[in-house]
C-alpha atoms as a PDB file:
ATOM      1  CA  MET A   1     -29.020 -27.001  12.708  1.00  0.00           C
ATOM      2  CA  THR A   2     -31.128 -24.406  14.321  1.00  0.00           C
ATOM      3  CA  SER A   3     -32.121 -21.176  12.525  1.00  0.00           C
ATOM      4  CA  PRO A   4     -31.295 -17.699  14.024  1.00  0.00           C
ATOM      5  CA  SER A   5     -33.517 -15.477  15.061  1.00  0.00           C
ATOM      6  CA  ASN A   6     -32.586 -12.435  12.359  1.00  0.00           C
ATOM      7  CA  LEU A   7     -29.288 -12.375  10.295  1.00  0.00           C
ATOM      8  CA  SER A   8     -27.123 -10.349  12.850  1.00  0.00           C
ATOM      9  CA  ASP A   9     -26.741 -13.712  14.808  1.00  0.00           C
ATOM     10  CA  LEU A  10     -25.242 -15.496  11.771  1.00  0.00           C
ATOM     11  CA  SER A  11     -21.387 -16.003  12.272  1.00  0.00           C
ATOM     12  CA  HIS A  12     -18.548 -16.015   9.502  1.00  0.00           C
ATOM     13  CA  PRO A  13     -15.755 -18.999  10.344  1.00  0.00           C
ATOM     14  CA  THR A  14     -12.855 -17.583  12.468  1.00  0.00           C
ATOM     15  CA  GLY A  15     -10.394 -18.559  10.098  1.00  0.00           C
ATOM     16  CA  GLY A  16     -10.931 -17.394   7.056  1.00  0.00           C
ATOM     17  CA  ARG A  17     -10.771 -19.241   3.961  1.00  0.00           C
ATOM     18  CA  PRO A  18     -12.069 -22.590   4.243  1.00  0.00           C
ATOM     19  CA  PHE A  19      -9.088 -23.300   1.341  1.00  0.00           C
ATOM     20  CA  GLU A  20      -5.411 -22.992  -0.051  1.00  0.00           C
ATOM     21  CA  VAL A  21      -4.861 -21.086  -2.919  1.00  0.00           C
ATOM     22  CA  VAL A  22      -2.271 -23.113  -4.819  1.00  0.00           C
ATOM     23  CA  ARG A  23      -1.859 -21.843  -8.312  1.00  0.00           C
ATOM     24  CA  THR A  24      -3.087 -18.667 -10.222  1.00  0.00           C
ATOM     25  CA  ARG A  25      -2.885 -18.027 -13.843  1.00  0.00           C
ATOM     26  CA  MET A  26      -3.994 -14.912 -15.816  1.00  0.00           C
ATOM     27  CA  ALA A  27      -6.385 -16.269 -18.597  1.00  0.00           C
ATOM     28  CA  GLY A  28      -7.000 -12.508 -20.334  1.00  0.00           C
ATOM     29  CA  ARG A  29      -7.734  -9.058 -19.801  1.00  0.00           C
ATOM     30  CA  SER A  30      -9.753  -6.571 -21.640  1.00  0.00           C
ATOM     31  CA  GLY A  31      -9.459  -2.968 -20.541  1.00  0.00           C
ATOM     32  CA  PRO A  32      -9.672  -2.828 -17.178  1.00  0.00           C
ATOM     33  CA  PHE A  33     -11.364  -6.516 -16.722  1.00  0.00           C
ATOM     34  CA  VAL A  34      -8.667  -9.623 -15.868  1.00  0.00           C
ATOM     35  CA  ILE A  35      -9.629 -12.908 -16.125  1.00  0.00           C
ATOM     36  CA  ARG A  36      -7.889 -15.269 -13.574  1.00  0.00           C
ATOM     37  CA  GLU A  37      -8.095 -18.840 -12.697  1.00  0.00           C
ATOM     38  CA  ASP A  38      -7.199 -19.933  -9.010  1.00  0.00           C
ATOM     39  CA  VAL A  39      -6.502 -23.470  -8.507  1.00  0.00           C
ATOM     40  CA  ILE A  40      -7.289 -24.346  -4.471  1.00  0.00           C
ATOM     41  CA  THR A  41      -7.003 -27.403  -2.465  1.00  0.00           C
ATOM     42  CA  PHE A  42      -9.734 -28.211   0.445  1.00  0.00           C
ATOM     43  CA  PRO A  43      -8.708 -29.676   3.627  1.00  0.00           C
ATOM     44  CA  ASP A  44      -9.847 -33.173   2.465  1.00  0.00           C
ATOM     45  CA  GLY A  45      -7.370 -32.637  -0.685  1.00  0.00           C
ATOM     46  CA  ALA A  46      -9.915 -31.657  -3.433  1.00  0.00           C
ATOM     47  CA  GLU A  47      -9.227 -29.425  -6.074  1.00  0.00           C
ATOM     48  CA  ALA A  48     -11.271 -26.960  -7.940  1.00  0.00           C
ATOM     49  CA  THR A  49     -10.941 -24.485  -9.970  1.00  0.00           C
ATOM     50  CA  TYR A  50     -12.502 -20.852  -9.685  1.00  0.00           C
ATOM     51  CA  THR A  51     -12.501 -18.691 -12.286  1.00  0.00           C
ATOM     52  CA  VAL A  52     -12.443 -14.819 -10.929  1.00  0.00           C
ATOM     53  CA  VAL A  53     -12.436 -11.683 -12.969  1.00  0.00           C
ATOM     54  CA  THR A  54     -10.946  -8.676 -11.676  1.00  0.00           C
ATOM     55  CA  ASN A  55     -13.411  -5.689 -12.525  1.00  0.00           C
ATOM     56  CA  PRO A  56     -13.633  -1.939 -11.274  1.00  0.00           C
ATOM     57  CA  ASP A  57     -16.198  -1.113  -8.369  1.00  0.00           C
ATOM     58  CA  SER A  58     -19.346   0.788  -9.846  1.00  0.00           C
ATOM     59  CA  ALA A  59     -21.216   3.638  -8.592  1.00  0.00           C
ATOM     60  CA  PHE A  60     -25.096   3.417  -8.255  1.00  0.00           C
ATOM     61  CA  VAL A  61     -27.156   6.712  -8.028  1.00  0.00           C
ATOM     62  CA  VAL A  62     -31.200   6.928  -7.188  1.00  0.00           C
ATOM     63  CA  PRO A  63     -32.387  10.101  -7.986  1.00  0.00           C
ATOM     64  CA  TYR A  64     -35.080  11.506  -5.613  1.00  0.00           C
ATOM     65  CA  PHE A  65     -36.805  14.642  -6.649  1.00  0.00           C
ATOM     66  CA  ASP A  66     -38.858  16.805  -4.339  1.00  0.00           C
ATOM     67  CA  ASN A  67     -41.700  16.012  -6.124  1.00  0.00           C
ATOM     68  CA  SER A  68     -41.108  12.246  -5.480  1.00  0.00           C
ATOM     69  CA  ASP A  69     -40.114  11.065  -8.842  1.00  0.00           C
ATOM     70  CA  THR A  70     -37.367   9.839  -9.896  1.00  0.00           C
ATOM     71  CA  MET A  71     -35.119   9.022 -13.335  1.00  0.00           C
ATOM     72  CA  LEU A  72     -34.379   6.153 -15.033  1.00  0.00           C
ATOM     73  CA  VAL A  73     -31.998   4.856 -18.241  1.00  0.00           C
ATOM     74  CA  ARG A  74     -32.633   2.588 -20.687  1.00  0.00           C
ATOM     75  CA  GLN A  75     -29.730   0.928 -22.947  1.00  0.00           C
ATOM     76  CA  TRP A  76     -29.167  -1.621 -24.575  1.00  0.00           C
ATOM     77  CA  ARG A  77     -27.044  -4.542 -22.677  1.00  0.00           C
ATOM     78  CA  HIS A  78     -25.298  -6.358 -25.493  1.00  0.00           C
ATOM     79  CA  ALA A  79     -23.981  -9.190 -23.185  1.00  0.00           C
ATOM     80  CA  TRP A  80     -28.045 -10.101 -22.681  1.00  0.00           C
ATOM     81  CA  ASP A  81     -29.043  -9.057 -26.241  1.00  0.00           C
ATOM     82  CA  GLU A  82     -31.607  -7.091 -24.649  1.00  0.00           C
ATOM     83  CA  SER A  83     -33.007  -3.287 -23.517  1.00  0.00           C
ATOM     84  CA  SER A  84     -32.373  -2.594 -19.836  1.00  0.00           C
ATOM     85  CA  TRP A  85     -34.224   0.003 -17.519  1.00  0.00           C
ATOM     86  CA  GLU A  86     -32.081   1.128 -14.974  1.00  0.00           C
ATOM     87  CA  VAL A  87     -30.621   3.485 -12.451  1.00  0.00           C
ATOM     88  CA  PRO A  88     -27.740   5.891 -13.772  1.00  0.00           C
ATOM     89  CA  ALA A  89     -24.787   3.783 -12.556  1.00  0.00           C
ATOM     90  CA  GLY A  90     -20.750   3.943 -13.753  1.00  0.00           C
ATOM     91  CA  THR A  91     -17.701   1.876 -13.219  1.00  0.00           C
ATOM     92  CA  PHE A  92     -15.036   4.243 -11.442  1.00  0.00           C
ATOM     93  CA  ASP A  93     -12.455   5.736 -13.121  1.00  0.00           C
ATOM     94  CA  GLU A  94      -8.828   5.166 -11.794  1.00  0.00           C
ATOM     95  CA  GLY A  95      -8.641   6.300  -8.426  1.00  0.00           C
ATOM     96  CA  GLU A  96     -12.041   8.149  -7.952  1.00  0.00           C
ATOM     97  CA  ASP A  97     -13.775   7.669  -5.418  1.00  0.00           C
ATOM     98  CA  PRO A  98     -17.458   6.504  -4.975  1.00  0.00           C
ATOM     99  CA  MET A  99     -18.782   9.615  -4.362  1.00  0.00           C
ATOM    100  CA  THR A 100     -16.918  11.425  -7.644  1.00  0.00           C
ATOM    101  CA  CYS A 101     -17.918   8.756  -9.960  1.00  0.00           C
ATOM    102  CA  ALA A 102     -21.264   8.734  -8.492  1.00  0.00           C
ATOM    103  CA  ARG A 103     -21.587  12.399  -9.151  1.00  0.00           C
ATOM    104  CA  ARG A 104     -20.242  12.177 -12.614  1.00  0.00           C
ATOM    105  CA  GLU A 105     -22.303   9.438 -13.497  1.00  0.00           C
ATOM    106  CA  LEU A 106     -25.958  11.094 -12.519  1.00  0.00           C
ATOM    107  CA  ALA A 107     -24.637  14.482 -14.426  1.00  0.00           C
ATOM    108  CA  GLU A 108     -23.242  12.583 -17.533  1.00  0.00           C
ATOM    109  CA  GLU A 109     -26.355   9.453 -18.000  1.00  0.00           C
ATOM    110  CA  THR A 110     -29.205  11.797 -16.930  1.00  0.00           C
ATOM    111  CA  GLY A 111     -27.931  15.421 -16.983  1.00  0.00           C
ATOM    112  CA  LEU A 112     -28.860  15.777 -12.887  1.00  0.00           C
ATOM    113  CA  ILE A 113     -26.804  17.671 -10.304  1.00  0.00           C
ATOM    114  CA  ALA A 114     -27.803  16.685  -6.678  1.00  0.00           C
ATOM    115  CA  THR A 115     -26.195  18.507  -3.901  1.00  0.00           C
ATOM    116  CA  ARG A 116     -27.372  16.016  -0.821  1.00  0.00           C
ATOM    117  CA  TYR A 117     -26.400  11.981  -1.688  1.00  0.00           C
ATOM    118  CA  THR A 118     -27.209   9.708   1.291  1.00  0.00           C
ATOM    119  CA  SER A 119     -25.248   6.283   1.252  1.00  0.00           C
ATOM    120  CA  LEU A 120     -27.021   3.071   0.885  1.00  0.00           C
ATOM    121  CA  GLY A 121     -24.546   0.667   1.194  1.00  0.00           C
ATOM    122  CA  VAL A 122     -22.397  -1.347  -0.829  1.00  0.00           C
ATOM    123  CA  VAL A 123     -23.083  -4.662  -2.449  1.00  0.00           C
ATOM    124  CA  HIS A 124     -21.289  -7.465  -4.292  1.00  0.00           C
ATOM    125  CA  GLY A 125     -22.504  -8.735  -7.847  1.00  0.00           C
ATOM    126  CA  ALA A 126     -22.144 -11.838  -8.735  1.00  0.00           C
ATOM    127  CA  ALA A 127     -19.796 -14.138  -6.881  1.00  0.00           C
ATOM    128  CA  PHE A 128     -17.020 -14.270  -9.326  1.00  0.00           C
ATOM    129  CA  LEU A 129     -16.360 -10.572  -9.942  1.00  0.00           C
ATOM    130  CA  THR A 130     -14.459  -8.572  -7.239  1.00  0.00           C
ATOM    131  CA  GLY A 131     -15.870  -4.959  -7.970  1.00  0.00           C
ATOM    132  CA  ARG A 132     -18.334  -3.534  -5.656  1.00  0.00           C
ATOM    133  CA  ALA A 133     -21.245  -1.507  -6.217  1.00  0.00           C
ATOM    134  CA  HIS A 134     -21.655   1.830  -4.144  1.00  0.00           C
ATOM    135  CA  MET A 135     -25.412   2.757  -3.882  1.00  0.00           C
ATOM    136  CA  PHE A 136     -26.521   6.245  -3.180  1.00  0.00           C
ATOM    137  CA  LEU A 137     -29.981   8.721  -3.244  1.00  0.00           C
ATOM    138  CA  ALA A 138     -29.186  11.834  -4.652  1.00  0.00           C
ATOM    139  CA  GLU A 139     -31.789  14.549  -3.643  1.00  0.00           C
ATOM    140  CA  GLU A 140     -32.046  18.740  -3.755  1.00  0.00           C
ATOM    141  CA  ILE A 141     -31.545  18.264  -7.311  1.00  0.00           C
ATOM    142  CA  THR A 142     -31.189  20.339 -10.485  1.00  0.00           C
ATOM    143  CA  ALA A 143     -30.775  20.160 -14.047  1.00  0.00           C
ATOM    144  CA  SER A 144     -28.448  20.344 -16.301  1.00  0.00           C
ATOM    145  CA  ASP A 145     -27.166  18.979 -19.929  1.00  0.00           C
ATOM    146  CA  ARG A 146     -26.297  15.491 -20.260  1.00  0.00           C
ATOM    147  CA  ASN A 147     -23.178  14.326 -21.607  1.00  0.00           C
ATOM    148  CA  PRO A 148     -23.230  10.482 -22.057  1.00  0.00           C
ATOM    149  CA  GLU A 149     -20.316   8.408 -22.748  1.00  0.00           C
ATOM    150  CA  THR A 150     -19.494   7.387 -26.979  1.00  0.00           C
ATOM    151  CA  TYR A 151     -21.268   4.181 -25.813  1.00  0.00           C
ATOM    152  CA  GLU A 152     -24.295   5.368 -24.860  1.00  0.00           C
ATOM    153  CA  GLN A 153     -25.572   6.777 -27.591  1.00  0.00           C
ATOM    154  CA  ASP A 154     -29.124   5.027 -27.414  1.00  0.00           C
ATOM    155  CA  MET A 155     -29.356   5.650 -24.059  1.00  0.00           C
ATOM    156  CA  GLU A 156     -33.294   6.895 -23.121  1.00  0.00           C
ATOM    157  CA  VAL A 157     -34.231   8.896 -19.809  1.00  0.00           C
ATOM    158  CA  ARG A 158     -37.502   8.900 -18.492  1.00  0.00           C
ATOM    159  CA  ARG A 159     -38.387  10.960 -15.373  1.00  0.00           C
ATOM    160  CA  LEU A 160     -41.571   8.728 -13.597  1.00  0.00           C
ATOM    161  CA  PRO A 161     -43.001   8.809  -9.782  1.00  0.00           C
ATOM    162  CA  PHE A 162     -40.203   6.642  -7.553  1.00  0.00           C
ATOM    163  CA  LYS A 163     -43.241   4.499  -7.046  1.00  0.00           C
ATOM    164  CA  GLU A 164     -43.590   3.196  -9.974  1.00  0.00           C
ATOM    165  CA  ALA A 165     -40.015   2.858 -10.664  1.00  0.00           C
ATOM    166  CA  LEU A 166     -39.439   0.775  -7.183  1.00  0.00           C
ATOM    167  CA  GLN A 167     -42.994  -1.091  -8.164  1.00  0.00           C
ATOM    168  CA  ALA A 168     -41.225  -1.642 -11.701  1.00  0.00           C
ATOM    169  CA  ALA A 169     -38.205  -3.283  -9.511  1.00  0.00           C
ATOM    170  CA  LEU A 170     -40.325  -5.310  -7.042  1.00  0.00           C
ATOM    171  CA  ASP A 171     -42.474  -6.734 -10.405  1.00  0.00           C
ATOM    172  CA  GLY A 172     -39.385  -7.642 -12.725  1.00  0.00           C
ATOM    173  CA  ALA A 173     -39.952  -4.973 -15.251  1.00  0.00           C
ATOM    174  CA  ILE A 174     -36.600  -3.767 -14.222  1.00  0.00           C
ATOM    175  CA  ALA A 175     -33.888  -6.946 -14.072  1.00  0.00           C
ATOM    176  CA  HIS A 176     -30.599  -5.442 -13.366  1.00  0.00           C
ATOM    177  CA  SER A 177     -29.490  -6.570  -9.769  1.00  0.00           C
ATOM    178  CA  GLY A 178     -27.953  -3.243  -9.203  1.00  0.00           C
ATOM    179  CA  SER A 179     -30.644  -1.244  -9.993  1.00  0.00           C
ATOM    180  CA  VAL A 180     -33.415  -3.531  -8.316  1.00  0.00           C
ATOM    181  CA  THR A 181     -31.260  -3.346  -5.087  1.00  0.00           C
ATOM    182  CA  ALA A 182     -30.622   0.164  -5.035  1.00  0.00           C
ATOM    183  CA  LEU A 183     -34.446   1.119  -5.610  1.00  0.00           C
ATOM    184  CA  VAL A 184     -34.977  -1.324  -2.691  1.00  0.00           C
ATOM    185  CA  ARG A 185     -33.046   0.322  -0.267  1.00  0.00           C
ATOM    186  CA  ALA A 186     -33.778   4.130  -1.511  1.00  0.00           C
ATOM    187  CA  ALA A 187     -37.629   2.855  -0.410  1.00  0.00           C
ATOM    188  CA  HIS A 188     -36.079   1.791   2.772  1.00  0.00           C
ATOM    189  CA  ALA A 189     -34.054   4.861   3.106  1.00  0.00           C
ATOM    190  CA  LEU A 190     -36.702   6.862   2.534  1.00  0.00           C
ATOM    191  CA  LYS A 191     -38.973   5.031   5.011  1.00  0.00           C
ATOM    192  CA  LEU A 192     -41.614   4.297   2.057  1.00  0.00           C
ATOM    193  CA  LEU A 193     -40.546   0.417   2.815  1.00  0.00           C
END
């Protein structure tokens, strides 16, 4: 097996999906989330079941102040049974575009308004989720009033130097994967990495 010199040299199969979906069953639904089971057949005849969760796209925002500070939020993550420091983020409302969601989430969670947004790209979460995470760097910031959602009543907001937040992501103190990715991509955009 040869090793490419960089990832841009890697190619994907030209034939697309390497198996056939033979049956799909909806296993459950909760709000915007749909759980489905896809039974697939491989070319050799073997079958397997993939569980897929259809979920809305989301926006992650890294605020960056003129003095090189950022702002993180901390909230309790019920599924993990622990609190989590994260960048401001949230899921799209129906029909919402990435930028509108990013602006709304930044204002709701932190009370910040930014006049300049830079896309940091799009990533996928866990391999069984359909939703994509749209990441943004927000600059030229002014403060406004926070307006958190009802379920965000426990949310704390903390302003700190961006480099401290980045180091926390690199050291594992920030374990939320979307936030780690957003902070690293922001550092790259800011030419800090």
